[in-house]
């Protein structure tokens, strides 16, 4: 089964599998990109929930939008939106979607206040279509629940540190998830660089294939 991945910026991806077009956290989407069947939003931060980017790829008549509570409550995100919380599941045609926790263990904006608190119910997504299972982590650290998520074919993992897991912590996530392919994300815009992705590849070694993607160009 073909599984085609396009990376735009940060954690924004387009996945095409089994006749479906799925976008994760659309951000910095060029004009003219294909319309989504499904849009999955992990949380409300600007580089993950961008209403202007969502509008570029959304057909109000047919695009199915799924978001955690904080993203769904953004005034600029037009309804309808399917609200999902960690542990929630929903199916769209041949795509099965399960929301899983995404939160910080050791990344704090001030003492004791994480950037991504567990109680805000930010999510990652475990998805399956066409016999392929993938995990989109969202903004998270290498949390213990990951032991239960794998094995997966593809794992989309942040690597830039500061707000999310570092490359070293992402390598620990790989050991828990047991993916075949790892795609690093969440670098190159706010914090982090391709060197973080390369560092993950060094740390993972033969445990999985690490694919470092080039971001798709943006219209001026």
N, C-alpha and C. Protein backbone atom coordinates (compact mmCIF):
# COMPACT_ATOMS: atom_id res chain seq x y z
N UNK A 1 0.84 -1.19 0.00
CA UNK A 1 0.00 0.00 0.00
C UNK A 1 0.88 1.25 0.00
N UNK A 2 0.66 2.14 -0.96
CA UNK A 2 1.41 3.39 -1.03
C UNK A 2 1.04 4.28 0.15
N UNK A 3 2.06 4.90 0.70
CA UNK A 3 1.89 5.82 1.83
C UNK A 3 2.76 7.02 1.51
N UNK A 4 2.14 8.10 1.04
CA UNK A 4 2.87 9.27 0.57
C UNK A 4 2.80 10.38 1.61
N UNK A 5 3.97 10.95 1.92
CA UNK A 5 4.07 11.96 2.97
C UNK A 5 4.67 13.24 2.40
N UNK A 6 4.02 14.36 2.65
CA UNK A 6 4.53 15.68 2.30
C UNK A 6 4.65 16.49 3.59
N UNK A 7 5.82 17.09 3.80
CA UNK A 7 6.05 17.94 4.98
C UNK A 7 6.05 19.39 4.54
N UNK A 8 5.36 20.23 5.28
CA UNK A 8 5.29 21.66 4.97
C UNK A 8 6.19 22.48 5.89
N UNK A 9 5.99 22.38 7.18
CA UNK A 9 6.78 23.11 8.18
C UNK A 9 6.35 22.61 9.55
N UNK A 10 7.25 22.75 10.54
CA UNK A 10 6.92 22.35 11.90
C UNK A 10 6.38 20.92 11.93
N UNK A 11 5.10 20.79 12.27
CA UNK A 11 4.48 19.47 12.38
C UNK A 11 3.36 19.30 11.38
N UNK A 12 3.42 20.05 10.29
CA UNK A 12 2.38 20.04 9.26
C UNK A 12 2.72 19.04 8.16
N UNK A 13 1.84 18.05 7.99
CA UNK A 13 2.05 17.00 7.00
C UNK A 13 0.77 16.75 6.21
N UNK A 14 0.96 16.30 4.97
CA UNK A 14 -0.12 15.72 4.20
C UNK A 14 0.22 14.26 3.96
N UNK A 15 -0.71 13.39 4.28
CA UNK A 15 -0.53 11.95 4.07
C UNK A 15 -1.59 11.47 3.09
N UNK A 16 -1.18 10.71 2.09
CA UNK A 16 -2.11 10.13 1.13
C UNK A 16 -1.97 8.62 1.19
N UNK A 17 -3.08 7.97 1.54
CA UNK A 17 -3.08 6.52 1.69
C UNK A 17 -4.48 6.00 1.41
N UNK A 18 -4.56 4.92 0.66
CA UNK A 18 -5.83 4.23 0.41
C UNK A 18 -6.92 5.18 -0.11
N UNK A 19 -6.52 6.12 -0.98
CA UNK A 19 -7.48 7.03 -1.58
C UNK A 19 -7.90 8.18 -0.70
N UNK A 20 -7.29 8.33 0.46
CA UNK A 20 -7.63 9.41 1.39
C UNK A 20 -6.48 10.41 1.48
N UNK A 21 -6.85 11.67 1.69
CA UNK A 21 -5.87 12.74 1.87
C UNK A 21 -6.07 13.32 3.27
N UNK A 22 -5.06 13.16 4.11
CA UNK A 22 -5.14 13.52 5.52
C UNK A 22 -4.07 14.55 5.84
N UNK A 23 -4.45 15.63 6.47
CA UNK A 23 -3.50 16.64 6.92
C UNK A 23 -3.40 16.61 8.44
N UNK A 24 -2.17 16.66 8.93
CA UNK A 24 -1.92 16.84 10.36
C UNK A 24 -1.43 18.27 10.60
N UNK A 25 -2.06 18.96 11.54
CA UNK A 25 -1.63 20.28 12.02
C UNK A 25 -1.19 21.21 10.89
N UNK A 26 -2.07 21.50 9.92
CA UNK A 26 -1.65 22.32 8.77
C UNK A 26 -1.15 23.70 9.17
N UNK A 27 0.02 24.07 8.63
CA UNK A 27 0.70 25.31 8.98
C UNK A 27 1.67 25.65 7.84
N UNK A 28 1.65 26.90 7.41
CA UNK A 28 2.47 27.35 6.29
C UNK A 28 2.18 26.52 5.03
N UNK A 29 0.92 26.37 4.75
CA UNK A 29 0.48 25.62 3.58
C UNK A 29 0.49 26.56 2.37
N UNK A 30 1.18 26.22 1.29
CA UNK A 30 1.15 27.06 0.09
C UNK A 30 -0.26 27.12 -0.50
N UNK A 31 -0.50 28.16 -1.27
CA UNK A 31 -1.76 28.24 -2.01
C UNK A 31 -1.82 27.11 -3.03
N UNK A 32 -3.02 26.63 -3.28
CA UNK A 32 -3.22 25.65 -4.33
C UNK A 32 -2.98 24.21 -3.95
N UNK A 33 -2.76 23.93 -2.68
CA UNK A 33 -2.58 22.53 -2.26
C UNK A 33 -3.92 21.79 -2.31
N UNK A 34 -3.88 20.47 -2.48
CA UNK A 34 -5.13 19.72 -2.64
C UNK A 34 -6.00 19.74 -1.39
N UNK A 35 -7.30 19.69 -1.62
CA UNK A 35 -8.27 19.74 -0.53
C UNK A 35 -8.19 18.46 0.31
N UNK A 36 -8.38 18.62 1.60
CA UNK A 36 -8.31 17.51 2.54
C UNK A 36 -9.61 16.73 2.59
N UNK A 37 -9.47 15.43 2.77
CA UNK A 37 -10.60 14.61 3.22
C UNK A 37 -10.74 14.73 4.74
N UNK A 38 -9.58 14.71 5.42
CA UNK A 38 -9.56 14.76 6.88
C UNK A 38 -8.47 15.72 7.33
N UNK A 39 -8.77 16.54 8.35
CA UNK A 39 -7.77 17.39 8.99
C UNK A 39 -7.76 17.04 10.47
N UNK A 40 -6.58 16.72 10.99
CA UNK A 40 -6.41 16.35 12.40
C UNK A 40 -5.57 17.41 13.10
N UNK A 41 -6.11 18.01 14.15
CA UNK A 41 -5.44 19.08 14.89
C UNK A 41 -5.12 18.58 16.31
N UNK A 42 -3.86 18.73 16.71
CA UNK A 42 -3.44 18.18 18.00
C UNK A 42 -3.71 19.10 19.18
N UNK A 43 -3.58 20.42 18.97
CA UNK A 43 -3.83 21.38 20.05
C UNK A 43 -3.87 22.79 19.46
N UNK A 44 -4.06 23.79 20.30
CA UNK A 44 -4.43 25.12 19.85
C UNK A 44 -3.27 26.06 19.56
N UNK A 45 -2.01 25.71 19.80
CA UNK A 45 -0.91 26.63 19.57
C UNK A 45 -0.81 27.01 18.09
N UNK A 46 -0.36 28.24 17.82
CA UNK A 46 -0.47 28.83 16.49
C UNK A 46 0.20 28.01 15.40
N UNK A 47 1.27 27.29 15.73
CA UNK A 47 1.99 26.52 14.73
C UNK A 47 1.41 25.12 14.54
N UNK A 48 0.27 24.87 15.17
CA UNK A 48 -0.42 23.59 15.02
C UNK A 48 -1.89 23.78 14.63
N UNK A 49 -2.47 24.87 15.09
CA UNK A 49 -3.86 25.18 14.78
C UNK A 49 -3.89 26.57 14.15
N UNK A 50 -3.77 26.61 12.83
CA UNK A 50 -3.73 27.86 12.07
C UNK A 50 -5.00 27.96 11.23
N UNK A 51 -5.99 28.75 11.67
CA UNK A 51 -7.26 28.82 10.93
C UNK A 51 -7.10 29.19 9.46
N UNK A 52 -6.17 30.09 9.14
CA UNK A 52 -6.00 30.49 7.74
C UNK A 52 -5.48 29.33 6.90
N UNK A 53 -4.62 28.50 7.47
CA UNK A 53 -4.13 27.33 6.73
C UNK A 53 -5.19 26.26 6.62
N UNK A 54 -5.95 26.08 7.68
CA UNK A 54 -7.06 25.12 7.62
C UNK A 54 -8.01 25.49 6.50
N UNK A 55 -8.33 26.78 6.39
CA UNK A 55 -9.29 27.24 5.37
C UNK A 55 -8.80 26.95 3.95
N UNK A 56 -7.48 26.96 3.73
CA UNK A 56 -6.94 26.72 2.39
C UNK A 56 -7.23 25.32 1.88
N UNK A 57 -7.33 24.38 2.77
CA UNK A 57 -7.42 22.97 2.36
C UNK A 57 -8.73 22.33 2.78
N UNK A 58 -9.66 23.15 3.25
CA UNK A 58 -10.93 22.62 3.75
C UNK A 58 -12.06 22.91 2.78
N UNK A 59 -12.81 21.87 2.46
CA UNK A 59 -14.07 22.02 1.74
C UNK A 59 -15.17 21.90 2.78
N UNK A 60 -15.89 22.98 3.08
CA UNK A 60 -16.90 22.93 4.14
C UNK A 60 -17.95 21.86 3.94
N UNK A 61 -18.11 21.40 2.70
CA UNK A 61 -19.15 20.40 2.42
C UNK A 61 -18.72 18.98 2.74
N UNK A 62 -17.40 18.75 2.77
CA UNK A 62 -17.00 17.34 2.90
C UNK A 62 -15.79 17.08 3.78
N UNK A 63 -14.94 18.08 4.05
CA UNK A 63 -13.73 17.82 4.85
C UNK A 63 -14.11 17.57 6.31
N UNK A 64 -13.61 16.47 6.83
CA UNK A 64 -13.87 16.06 8.21
C UNK A 64 -12.74 16.59 9.09
N UNK A 65 -13.08 17.46 10.04
CA UNK A 65 -12.08 18.10 10.89
C UNK A 65 -12.21 17.55 12.31
N UNK A 66 -11.08 17.10 12.85
CA UNK A 66 -11.02 16.54 14.20
C UNK A 66 -10.00 17.35 14.99
N UNK A 67 -10.36 17.74 16.22
CA UNK A 67 -9.46 18.57 17.02
C UNK A 67 -9.67 18.30 18.50
N UNK A 68 -8.61 18.53 19.27
CA UNK A 68 -8.75 18.42 20.72
C UNK A 68 -9.59 19.59 21.23
N UNK A 69 -10.02 19.59 22.49
CA UNK A 69 -10.93 20.64 22.96
C UNK A 69 -10.37 22.06 22.84
N UNK A 70 -9.09 22.27 23.12
CA UNK A 70 -8.56 23.64 23.08
C UNK A 70 -8.51 24.18 21.66
N UNK A 71 -8.22 23.32 20.68
CA UNK A 71 -8.19 23.76 19.29
C UNK A 71 -9.61 23.96 18.76
N UNK A 72 -10.51 23.06 19.10
CA UNK A 72 -11.88 23.15 18.61
C UNK A 72 -12.58 24.40 19.14
N UNK A 73 -12.13 24.91 20.29
CA UNK A 73 -12.77 26.08 20.88
C UNK A 73 -12.24 27.40 20.34
N UNK A 74 -11.22 27.36 19.49
CA UNK A 74 -10.72 28.59 18.88
C UNK A 74 -11.82 29.24 18.04
N UNK A 75 -12.10 30.50 18.28
CA UNK A 75 -13.20 31.17 17.59
C UNK A 75 -13.02 31.18 16.08
N UNK A 76 -11.75 31.24 15.62
CA UNK A 76 -11.50 31.36 14.18
C UNK A 76 -11.67 30.05 13.42
N UNK A 77 -11.74 28.92 14.15
CA UNK A 77 -11.90 27.62 13.49
C UNK A 77 -13.39 27.38 13.28
N UNK A 78 -13.82 27.44 12.03
CA UNK A 78 -15.24 27.34 11.72
C UNK A 78 -15.77 25.94 11.99
N UNK A 79 -16.95 25.83 12.56
CA UNK A 79 -17.57 24.52 12.71
C UNK A 79 -18.02 23.99 11.34
N UNK A 80 -18.33 22.69 11.24
CA UNK A 80 -18.31 21.70 12.32
C UNK A 80 -16.93 21.11 12.56
N UNK A 81 -16.66 20.81 13.82
CA UNK A 81 -15.42 20.18 14.23
C UNK A 81 -15.76 19.04 15.18
N UNK A 82 -15.21 17.87 14.92
CA UNK A 82 -15.37 16.73 15.81
C UNK A 82 -14.37 16.86 16.95
N UNK A 83 -14.84 17.05 18.16
CA UNK A 83 -13.96 17.19 19.33
C UNK A 83 -13.54 15.80 19.80
N UNK A 84 -12.24 15.66 20.06
CA UNK A 84 -11.73 14.38 20.53
C UNK A 84 -10.78 14.62 21.69
N UNK A 85 -10.82 13.72 22.65
CA UNK A 85 -9.96 13.79 23.84
C UNK A 85 -9.07 12.55 23.89
N UNK A 86 -8.01 12.58 24.68
CA UNK A 86 -7.18 11.38 24.80
C UNK A 86 -8.03 10.15 25.14
N UNK A 87 -7.83 9.10 24.37
CA UNK A 87 -8.62 7.89 24.53
C UNK A 87 -9.81 7.79 23.61
N UNK A 88 -10.18 8.92 22.97
CA UNK A 88 -11.30 8.91 22.06
C UNK A 88 -10.96 8.28 20.73
N UNK A 89 -11.97 7.74 20.06
CA UNK A 89 -11.77 7.10 18.76
C UNK A 89 -12.89 7.54 17.82
N UNK A 90 -12.55 7.63 16.54
CA UNK A 90 -13.53 7.99 15.52
C UNK A 90 -13.08 7.36 14.20
N UNK A 91 -14.02 7.07 13.33
CA UNK A 91 -13.73 6.48 12.03
C UNK A 91 -14.30 7.37 10.94
N UNK A 92 -13.48 7.58 9.89
CA UNK A 92 -13.93 8.28 8.70
C UNK A 92 -13.63 7.38 7.51
N UNK A 93 -14.67 6.89 6.87
CA UNK A 93 -14.51 5.95 5.76
C UNK A 93 -13.53 4.84 6.16
N UNK A 94 -12.37 4.75 5.48
CA UNK A 94 -11.42 3.65 5.75
C UNK A 94 -10.36 4.03 6.77
N UNK A 95 -10.49 5.21 7.39
CA UNK A 95 -9.49 5.71 8.33
C UNK A 95 -9.99 5.57 9.76
N UNK A 96 -9.22 4.87 10.57
CA UNK A 96 -9.53 4.79 12.01
C UNK A 96 -8.58 5.70 12.76
N UNK A 97 -9.13 6.52 13.64
CA UNK A 97 -8.38 7.54 14.37
C UNK A 97 -8.55 7.32 15.86
N UNK A 98 -7.44 7.27 16.56
CA UNK A 98 -7.47 7.19 18.02
C UNK A 98 -6.62 8.32 18.58
N UNK A 99 -7.19 9.11 19.46
CA UNK A 99 -6.45 10.19 20.11
C UNK A 99 -5.74 9.64 21.34
N UNK A 100 -4.48 10.05 21.51
CA UNK A 100 -3.68 9.59 22.65
C UNK A 100 -3.08 10.81 23.36
N UNK A 101 -2.65 10.65 24.60
CA UNK A 101 -2.15 11.81 25.35
C UNK A 101 -0.89 12.41 24.72
N UNK A 102 -0.76 13.72 24.90
CA UNK A 102 0.45 14.45 24.49
C UNK A 102 0.68 15.54 25.53
N UNK A 103 1.79 15.46 26.24
CA UNK A 103 2.02 16.42 27.32
C UNK A 103 3.50 16.44 27.69
N UNK A 104 3.87 17.44 28.46
CA UNK A 104 5.26 17.60 28.90
C UNK A 104 5.51 16.95 30.25
N UNK A 105 6.69 16.37 30.36
CA UNK A 105 7.19 15.88 31.64
C UNK A 105 8.21 16.84 32.25
N UNK A 106 9.00 17.50 31.41
CA UNK A 106 10.12 18.29 31.93
C UNK A 106 10.39 19.56 31.14
N UNK A 107 9.39 20.09 30.45
CA UNK A 107 9.53 21.35 29.70
C UNK A 107 8.58 22.37 30.31
N UNK A 108 9.13 23.41 30.94
CA UNK A 108 8.32 24.32 31.74
C UNK A 108 8.46 25.77 31.29
N UNK A 109 7.33 26.50 31.22
CA UNK A 109 7.35 27.93 30.93
C UNK A 109 7.70 28.73 32.18
N UNK A 110 7.40 28.16 33.34
CA UNK A 110 7.80 28.71 34.64
C UNK A 110 7.81 27.53 35.60
N UNK A 111 8.43 27.65 36.77
CA UNK A 111 8.54 26.49 37.66
C UNK A 111 7.20 25.80 37.90
N UNK A 112 7.16 24.53 37.55
CA UNK A 112 5.96 23.73 37.77
C UNK A 112 4.84 23.93 36.76
N UNK A 113 5.07 24.77 35.74
CA UNK A 113 4.03 25.05 34.75
C UNK A 113 4.52 24.59 33.38
N UNK A 114 4.11 23.41 32.92
CA UNK A 114 4.59 22.91 31.63
C UNK A 114 3.99 23.67 30.46
N UNK A 115 4.70 23.66 29.34
CA UNK A 115 4.18 24.27 28.12
C UNK A 115 2.93 23.55 27.63
N UNK A 116 2.90 22.25 27.81
CA UNK A 116 1.76 21.44 27.35
C UNK A 116 1.27 20.59 28.53
N UNK A 117 0.40 21.18 29.36
CA UNK A 117 -0.06 20.46 30.55
C UNK A 117 -0.99 19.30 30.19
N UNK A 118 -0.86 18.23 30.91
CA UNK A 118 -1.70 17.06 30.62
C UNK A 118 -3.18 17.38 30.76
N UNK A 119 -3.54 18.24 31.71
CA UNK A 119 -4.95 18.51 31.96
C UNK A 119 -5.64 19.28 30.83
N UNK A 120 -4.87 19.87 29.90
CA UNK A 120 -5.48 20.57 28.77
C UNK A 120 -5.90 19.62 27.65
N UNK A 121 -5.57 18.36 27.79
CA UNK A 121 -6.02 17.31 26.86
C UNK A 121 -5.55 17.54 25.43
N UNK A 122 -4.30 17.99 25.29
CA UNK A 122 -3.69 17.97 23.96
C UNK A 122 -3.54 16.51 23.54
N UNK A 123 -3.50 16.28 22.23
CA UNK A 123 -3.48 14.89 21.77
C UNK A 123 -2.42 14.64 20.71
N UNK A 124 -2.02 13.41 20.62
CA UNK A 124 -1.37 12.85 19.45
C UNK A 124 -2.40 11.94 18.79
N UNK A 125 -2.05 11.39 17.63
CA UNK A 125 -3.00 10.54 16.91
C UNK A 125 -2.35 9.22 16.50
N UNK A 126 -3.04 8.15 16.79
CA UNK A 126 -2.73 6.83 16.22
C UNK A 126 -3.74 6.57 15.11
N UNK A 127 -3.27 6.42 13.90
CA UNK A 127 -4.16 6.29 12.74
C UNK A 127 -3.87 5.00 11.99
N UNK A 128 -4.91 4.48 11.36
CA UNK A 128 -4.75 3.28 10.54
C UNK A 128 -5.62 3.38 9.31
N UNK A 129 -5.02 3.14 8.16
CA UNK A 129 -5.76 3.08 6.89
C UNK A 129 -4.94 2.26 5.92
N UNK A 130 -5.61 1.49 5.10
CA UNK A 130 -4.93 0.71 4.09
C UNK A 130 -3.90 -0.26 4.64
N UNK A 131 -4.12 -0.73 5.85
CA UNK A 131 -3.17 -1.66 6.47
C UNK A 131 -1.93 -1.01 7.03
N UNK A 132 -1.86 0.32 7.04
CA UNK A 132 -0.71 1.07 7.57
C UNK A 132 -1.13 1.77 8.85
N UNK A 133 -0.30 1.65 9.88
CA UNK A 133 -0.54 2.33 11.15
C UNK A 133 0.54 3.38 11.35
N UNK A 134 0.12 4.60 11.70
CA UNK A 134 1.11 5.64 12.00
C UNK A 134 0.73 6.40 13.26
N UNK A 135 1.76 6.94 13.89
CA UNK A 135 1.63 7.71 15.13
C UNK A 135 2.14 9.11 14.88
N UNK A 136 1.26 10.08 15.07
CA UNK A 136 1.62 11.49 15.00
C UNK A 136 1.62 12.00 16.43
N UNK A 137 2.81 12.39 16.92
CA UNK A 137 2.97 12.63 18.35
C UNK A 137 2.36 13.94 18.84
N UNK A 138 2.21 14.95 17.96
CA UNK A 138 1.85 16.27 18.47
C UNK A 138 3.00 16.83 19.29
N UNK A 139 2.70 17.76 20.18
CA UNK A 139 3.73 18.35 21.05
C UNK A 139 3.76 17.59 22.37
N UNK A 140 4.82 16.84 22.58
CA UNK A 140 4.87 15.96 23.74
C UNK A 140 6.31 15.63 24.08
N UNK A 141 6.50 15.13 25.28
CA UNK A 141 7.75 14.49 25.66
C UNK A 141 7.61 12.99 25.43
N UNK A 142 8.64 12.26 25.74
CA UNK A 142 8.61 10.79 25.61
C UNK A 142 7.87 10.23 26.83
N UNK A 143 6.57 10.20 26.74
CA UNK A 143 5.72 9.85 27.89
C UNK A 143 5.61 8.33 28.02
N UNK A 144 5.36 7.84 29.23
CA UNK A 144 5.34 6.38 29.43
C UNK A 144 4.25 5.66 28.66
N UNK A 145 3.16 6.36 28.33
CA UNK A 145 2.08 5.72 27.58
C UNK A 145 2.53 5.21 26.22
N UNK A 146 3.62 5.72 25.69
CA UNK A 146 4.08 5.31 24.37
C UNK A 146 4.37 3.82 24.27
N UNK A 147 4.67 3.19 25.38
CA UNK A 147 4.90 1.75 25.38
C UNK A 147 3.68 1.01 24.82
N UNK A 148 2.50 1.59 25.03
CA UNK A 148 1.26 0.93 24.62
C UNK A 148 0.87 1.27 23.18
N UNK A 149 1.54 2.23 22.55
CA UNK A 149 1.12 2.70 21.22
C UNK A 149 1.66 1.81 20.09
N UNK A 150 2.80 1.21 20.29
CA UNK A 150 3.45 0.49 19.21
C UNK A 150 3.06 -0.99 19.17
N UNK A 151 3.63 -1.71 18.20
CA UNK A 151 4.48 -1.16 17.13
C UNK A 151 3.66 -0.45 16.06
N UNK A 152 4.29 0.51 15.38
CA UNK A 152 3.65 1.25 14.29
C UNK A 152 4.58 1.21 13.08
N UNK A 153 4.00 1.44 11.91
CA UNK A 153 4.82 1.52 10.70
C UNK A 153 5.60 2.82 10.66
N UNK A 154 4.91 3.93 10.95
CA UNK A 154 5.52 5.26 10.87
C UNK A 154 5.30 6.00 12.19
N UNK A 155 6.34 6.70 12.63
CA UNK A 155 6.22 7.56 13.81
C UNK A 155 6.72 8.95 13.46
N UNK A 156 5.87 9.95 13.65
CA UNK A 156 6.20 11.35 13.42
C UNK A 156 6.51 11.96 14.78
N UNK A 157 7.79 12.28 15.00
CA UNK A 157 8.24 12.66 16.35
C UNK A 157 8.91 14.02 16.35
N UNK A 158 8.56 14.90 17.32
CA UNK A 158 9.28 16.16 17.48
C UNK A 158 10.67 15.91 18.05
N UNK A 159 11.60 16.80 17.69
CA UNK A 159 13.00 16.55 18.09
C UNK A 159 13.72 17.80 18.60
N UNK A 160 13.05 18.95 18.66
CA UNK A 160 13.76 20.22 18.84
C UNK A 160 14.00 20.63 20.28
N UNK A 161 13.41 19.92 21.24
CA UNK A 161 13.59 20.33 22.63
C UNK A 161 12.84 21.62 22.94
N UNK A 162 13.15 22.23 24.06
CA UNK A 162 12.55 23.47 24.58
C UNK A 162 11.08 23.27 24.93
N UNK A 163 10.23 22.99 23.93
CA UNK A 163 8.80 22.80 24.15
C UNK A 163 8.37 21.34 24.01
N UNK A 164 9.22 20.53 23.42
CA UNK A 164 8.90 19.14 23.10
C UNK A 164 10.13 18.28 23.39
N UNK A 165 10.07 17.01 23.06
CA UNK A 165 11.20 16.14 23.35
C UNK A 165 12.44 16.52 22.54
N UNK A 166 13.59 16.28 23.12
CA UNK A 166 14.86 16.46 22.43
C UNK A 166 15.12 15.25 21.54
N UNK A 167 16.17 15.32 20.74
CA UNK A 167 16.54 14.17 19.92
C UNK A 167 16.82 12.95 20.78
N UNK A 168 17.46 13.17 21.91
CA UNK A 168 17.77 12.05 22.81
C UNK A 168 16.48 11.43 23.36
N UNK A 169 15.53 12.29 23.72
CA UNK A 169 14.27 11.78 24.24
C UNK A 169 13.45 11.12 23.12
N UNK A 170 13.55 11.66 21.91
CA UNK A 170 12.86 11.03 20.78
C UNK A 170 13.42 9.63 20.51
N UNK A 171 14.71 9.46 20.72
CA UNK A 171 15.30 8.12 20.55
C UNK A 171 14.72 7.15 21.57
N UNK A 172 14.46 7.63 22.77
CA UNK A 172 13.80 6.79 23.77
C UNK A 172 12.38 6.47 23.33
N UNK A 173 11.69 7.44 22.73
CA UNK A 173 10.35 7.18 22.21
C UNK A 173 10.38 6.10 21.13
N UNK A 174 11.40 6.12 20.28
CA UNK A 174 11.54 5.10 19.24
C UNK A 174 11.64 3.72 19.87
N UNK A 175 12.38 3.61 20.95
CA UNK A 175 12.52 2.30 21.61
C UNK A 175 11.18 1.83 22.16
N UNK A 176 10.33 2.75 22.58
CA UNK A 176 9.01 2.36 23.09
C UNK A 176 8.03 2.05 21.96
N UNK A 177 8.09 2.80 20.88
CA UNK A 177 7.10 2.70 19.81
C UNK A 177 7.39 1.59 18.81
N UNK A 178 8.66 1.26 18.62
CA UNK A 178 9.11 0.22 17.68
C UNK A 178 8.60 0.45 16.26
N UNK A 179 8.81 1.67 15.72
CA UNK A 179 8.36 1.94 14.35
C UNK A 179 9.31 1.35 13.31
N UNK A 180 8.81 1.20 12.11
CA UNK A 180 9.69 0.85 10.98
C UNK A 180 10.38 2.09 10.44
N UNK A 181 9.62 3.21 10.38
CA UNK A 181 10.14 4.47 9.84
C UNK A 181 9.84 5.59 10.82
N UNK A 182 10.83 6.45 11.05
CA UNK A 182 10.67 7.63 11.90
C UNK A 182 10.82 8.88 11.04
N UNK A 183 9.91 9.82 11.19
CA UNK A 183 9.99 11.10 10.48
C UNK A 183 10.09 12.20 11.52
N UNK A 184 11.25 12.84 11.65
CA UNK A 184 11.40 13.92 12.63
C UNK A 184 10.60 15.15 12.22
N UNK A 185 10.14 15.92 13.22
CA UNK A 185 9.35 17.11 12.95
C UNK A 185 9.57 18.13 14.07
N UNK A 186 8.85 19.24 13.94
CA UNK A 186 8.86 20.33 14.92
C UNK A 186 10.26 20.95 15.05
N UNK A 187 10.79 21.36 13.91
CA UNK A 187 12.06 22.10 13.90
C UNK A 187 12.09 22.98 12.67
N UNK A 188 12.94 24.00 12.72
CA UNK A 188 13.16 24.83 11.55
C UNK A 188 12.33 26.10 11.49
N UNK A 189 11.39 26.29 12.43
CA UNK A 189 10.57 27.51 12.42
C UNK A 189 10.71 28.24 13.74
N UNK A 190 10.21 27.66 14.81
CA UNK A 190 10.23 28.31 16.13
C UNK A 190 11.52 28.02 16.86
N UNK A 191 11.91 26.77 16.86
CA UNK A 191 13.12 26.35 17.57
C UNK A 191 13.61 25.07 16.90
N UNK A 192 14.91 24.82 17.00
CA UNK A 192 15.47 23.60 16.46
C UNK A 192 15.85 23.70 15.00
N UNK A 193 16.63 22.73 14.53
CA UNK A 193 17.13 22.74 13.15
C UNK A 193 17.27 21.31 12.66
N UNK A 194 17.68 21.19 11.41
CA UNK A 194 17.86 19.86 10.82
C UNK A 194 18.91 19.06 11.58
N UNK A 195 19.81 19.74 12.26
CA UNK A 195 20.82 19.02 13.05
C UNK A 195 20.16 18.17 14.14
N UNK A 196 19.02 18.61 14.66
CA UNK A 196 18.30 17.80 15.66
C UNK A 196 17.79 16.52 15.03
N UNK A 197 17.28 16.61 13.81
CA UNK A 197 16.82 15.42 13.10
C UNK A 197 17.98 14.48 12.81
N UNK A 198 19.10 15.05 12.40
CA UNK A 198 20.28 14.23 12.12
C UNK A 198 20.80 13.56 13.38
N UNK A 199 20.72 14.26 14.49
CA UNK A 199 21.13 13.68 15.77
C UNK A 199 20.25 12.48 16.12
N UNK A 200 18.96 12.60 15.88
CA UNK A 200 18.07 11.46 16.14
C UNK A 200 18.48 10.27 15.29
N UNK A 201 18.78 10.51 14.02
CA UNK A 201 19.17 9.41 13.14
C UNK A 201 20.41 8.70 13.68
N UNK A 202 21.37 9.47 14.19
CA UNK A 202 22.57 8.87 14.76
C UNK A 202 22.24 8.02 15.98
N UNK A 203 21.35 8.52 16.82
CA UNK A 203 21.01 7.83 18.06
C UNK A 203 20.19 6.56 17.81
N UNK A 204 19.33 6.60 16.80
CA UNK A 204 18.45 5.46 16.52
C UNK A 204 19.23 4.31 15.89
N UNK A 205 20.22 4.65 15.07
CA UNK A 205 21.02 3.60 14.45
C UNK A 205 20.17 2.66 13.62
N UNK A 206 20.27 1.37 13.89
CA UNK A 206 19.56 0.36 13.11
C UNK A 206 18.18 0.01 13.67
N UNK A 207 17.74 0.71 14.70
CA UNK A 207 16.44 0.40 15.29
C UNK A 207 15.30 0.72 14.33
N UNK A 208 15.47 1.75 13.50
CA UNK A 208 14.43 2.16 12.56
C UNK A 208 15.08 2.99 11.46
N UNK A 209 14.37 3.12 10.35
CA UNK A 209 14.80 4.03 9.30
C UNK A 209 14.35 5.44 9.65
N UNK A 210 15.26 6.40 9.67
CA UNK A 210 14.91 7.79 9.92
C UNK A 210 14.92 8.55 8.60
N UNK A 211 13.77 9.10 8.22
CA UNK A 211 13.64 9.85 6.98
C UNK A 211 13.56 11.34 7.31
N UNK A 212 14.55 12.08 6.89
CA UNK A 212 14.58 13.53 7.09
C UNK A 212 14.07 14.18 5.82
N UNK A 213 12.91 14.80 5.90
CA UNK A 213 12.24 15.32 4.71
C UNK A 213 12.63 16.78 4.44
N UNK A 214 12.49 17.17 3.19
CA UNK A 214 12.63 18.57 2.81
C UNK A 214 11.26 19.22 2.87
N UNK A 215 11.15 20.41 3.47
CA UNK A 215 9.83 21.06 3.51
C UNK A 215 9.38 21.51 2.14
N UNK A 216 8.08 21.38 1.90
CA UNK A 216 7.50 21.80 0.62
C UNK A 216 7.50 23.33 0.57
N UNK A 217 7.86 23.89 -0.59
CA UNK A 217 7.98 25.34 -0.72
C UNK A 217 6.67 26.07 -0.48
N UNK A 218 6.82 27.30 -0.07
CA UNK A 218 5.67 28.14 0.25
C UNK A 218 5.59 29.30 -0.74
N UNK A 219 4.37 29.63 -1.13
CA UNK A 219 4.20 30.78 -2.02
C UNK A 219 4.61 32.06 -1.35
N UNK A 220 5.23 32.99 -2.12
CA UNK A 220 5.63 34.28 -1.56
C UNK A 220 4.39 35.13 -1.27
